[in-house]
Amino acid sequence: MQGADPRIVGWWRDFQYPSRWRYPDLAPQQVLTGRQFKIELAAGPELKRAIWLWFRRPKLILGYGALSYVIMVACTTVAMLVPVIGIFFAAVWLGIWVLAIAADTIRYVRWRRDYETALDRLLRLSGLL
């Protein structure tokens, strides 16, 4: 994508990022406990950084369940039943939801990448890697 805006290139790269994560989606204390490691022996600053990142976990616009997706499909279906203006409304409605899904995905991938880097540093400095 030569000549494209770097923000759009970064957005596209984050949106296409593979979902293979090295650690479960757990708090740092639980990750350490799962590796049979005493939290008191962990590197203090790195543990604080990992905890700070864990609490900065993004709140997803659509939530974590399927309810918002069901509402999206139901409202779109109802809008399609209204002649002419309903099709326009459904297209706008779907466009908004596509942007919301993309924003959620990108925010979560960027957070998860930073969080896994913090966990890598924590485990490496604590002698577990």
Protein backbone atom coordinates (compact mmCIF):
# COMPACT_ATOMS: atom_id res chain seq x y z
CA MET A 1 0.00 0.00 0.00
CA GLN A 2 2.50 2.55 -1.18
CA GLY A 3 1.50 6.18 -0.98
CA ALA A 4 -1.30 5.50 1.52
CA ASP A 5 -1.70 7.39 4.76
CA PRO A 6 0.41 5.68 7.48
CA ARG A 7 -2.57 5.73 9.86
CA ILE A 8 -4.67 3.76 7.39
CA VAL A 9 -1.82 1.32 6.76
CA GLY A 10 -1.42 0.82 10.53
CA TRP A 11 -5.17 0.38 10.93
CA TRP A 12 -5.25 -2.23 8.17
CA ARG A 13 -2.25 -4.09 9.60
CA ASP A 14 -3.87 -4.19 13.06
CA PHE A 15 -7.18 -5.33 11.59
CA GLN A 16 -5.44 -8.22 9.79
CA TYR A 17 -3.32 -9.21 12.83
CA PRO A 18 -3.53 -12.97 13.52
CA SER A 19 -5.33 -13.97 16.71
CA ARG A 20 -2.69 -16.35 18.05
CA TRP A 21 -1.94 -15.20 21.57
CA ARG A 22 0.80 -16.61 23.76
CA TYR A 23 -1.00 -16.15 27.06
CA PRO A 24 -4.59 -16.63 28.20
CA ASP A 25 -6.75 -13.55 28.65
CA LEU A 26 -6.14 -13.38 32.41
CA ALA A 27 -4.80 -10.88 34.93
CA PRO A 28 -0.99 -10.99 35.44
CA GLN A 29 -1.38 -12.47 38.92
CA GLN A 30 -3.39 -15.36 37.48
CA VAL A 31 -0.82 -15.92 34.72
CA LEU A 32 1.95 -16.14 37.33
CA THR A 33 -0.14 -18.42 39.53
CA GLY A 34 -0.85 -20.67 36.55
CA ARG A 35 2.92 -21.09 36.14
CA GLN A 36 3.30 -22.03 39.83
CA PHE A 37 5.21 -18.84 40.61
CA LYS A 38 4.95 -16.84 43.82
CA ILE A 39 3.81 -13.31 43.09
CA GLU A 40 6.11 -11.93 45.81
CA LEU A 41 9.14 -13.04 43.77
CA ALA A 42 8.03 -11.24 40.59
CA ALA A 43 9.86 -8.16 39.35
CA GLY A 44 8.01 -5.30 41.09
CA PRO A 45 8.01 -2.58 38.39
CA GLU A 46 7.15 -5.03 35.62
CA LEU A 47 4.32 -6.52 37.67
CA LYS A 48 2.94 -3.02 38.28
CA ARG A 49 3.16 -2.25 34.56
CA ALA A 50 1.37 -5.48 33.62
CA ILE A 51 -1.36 -4.81 36.21
CA TRP A 52 -1.73 -1.24 34.96
CA LEU A 53 -2.14 -2.49 31.40
CA TRP A 54 -4.64 -5.12 32.55
CA PHE A 55 -6.81 -2.41 34.11
CA ARG A 56 -6.56 -0.36 30.91
CA ARG A 57 -8.22 -3.18 29.00
CA PRO A 58 -10.54 -1.56 26.46
CA LYS A 59 -14.27 -1.68 27.03
CA LEU A 60 -15.72 -3.02 23.83
CA ILE A 61 -18.40 -0.90 22.15
CA LEU A 62 -20.42 -3.99 21.31
CA GLY A 63 -19.80 -5.76 24.60
CA TYR A 64 -18.62 -9.33 25.03
CA GLY A 65 -21.82 -11.23 24.22
CA ALA A 66 -23.90 -11.84 21.13
CA LEU A 67 -26.79 -9.57 22.18
CA SER A 68 -25.55 -6.51 20.29
CA TYR A 69 -25.10 -8.56 17.12
CA VAL A 70 -28.63 -9.93 17.43
CA ILE A 71 -29.96 -6.38 17.86
CA MET A 72 -27.98 -5.25 14.81
CA VAL A 73 -29.41 -8.00 12.61
CA ALA A 74 -32.97 -7.55 13.94
CA CYS A 75 -32.99 -3.77 13.40
CA THR A 76 -31.53 -4.17 9.92
CA THR A 77 -34.17 -6.76 9.04
CA VAL A 78 -36.99 -4.55 10.32
CA ALA A 79 -35.58 -1.55 8.42
CA MET A 80 -35.49 -3.55 5.20
CA LEU A 81 -39.26 -4.07 5.48
CA VAL A 82 -39.91 -0.33 5.06
CA PRO A 83 -39.93 0.64 1.37
CA VAL A 84 -37.25 3.00 0.00
CA ILE A 85 -36.23 4.86 3.18
CA GLY A 86 -35.78 1.58 5.06
CA ILE A 87 -33.10 0.40 2.68
CA PHE A 88 -31.21 3.67 3.13
CA PHE A 89 -31.61 3.45 6.91
CA ALA A 90 -30.43 -0.20 6.88
CA ALA A 91 -27.33 0.71 4.85
CA VAL A 92 -26.43 3.56 7.22
CA TRP A 93 -27.14 1.35 10.24
CA LEU A 94 -24.90 -1.44 8.91
CA GLY A 95 -22.16 1.08 8.10
CA ILE A 96 -22.19 2.33 11.68
CA TRP A 97 -21.98 -1.22 13.01
CA VAL A 98 -19.12 -2.14 10.66
CA LEU A 99 -17.16 0.85 11.96
CA ALA A 100 -17.94 -0.14 15.56
CA ILE A 101 -16.77 -3.71 14.97
CA ALA A 102 -13.58 -2.48 13.29
CA ALA A 103 -12.87 -0.04 16.13
CA ASP A 104 -13.40 -2.77 18.75
CA THR A 105 -11.16 -5.19 16.91
CA ILE A 106 -8.32 -2.72 16.42
CA ARG A 107 -8.44 -1.35 19.97
CA TYR A 108 -8.41 -4.87 21.42
CA VAL A 109 -5.55 -6.09 19.19
CA ARG A 110 -3.39 -3.08 20.05
CA TRP A 111 -4.09 -3.48 23.77
CA ARG A 112 -3.46 -7.22 23.65
CA ARG A 113 -0.13 -6.74 21.87
CA ASP A 114 1.03 -4.25 24.54
CA TYR A 115 -0.25 -6.50 27.33
CA GLU A 116 1.58 -9.55 25.98
CA THR A 117 4.78 -7.52 25.71
CA ALA A 118 4.38 -6.54 29.37
CA LEU A 119 3.81 -10.20 30.32
CA ASP A 120 6.89 -11.25 28.33
CA ARG A 121 9.01 -8.72 30.19
CA LEU A 122 7.52 -9.72 33.54
CA LEU A 123 8.15 -13.42 32.97
CA ARG A 124 11.63 -12.85 31.54
CA LEU A 125 12.77 -10.62 34.44
CA SER A 126 11.19 -13.00 36.95
CA GLY A 127 13.20 -15.88 35.50
CA LEU A 128 10.28 -17.83 34.01
CA LEU A 129 11.24 -17.52 30.34
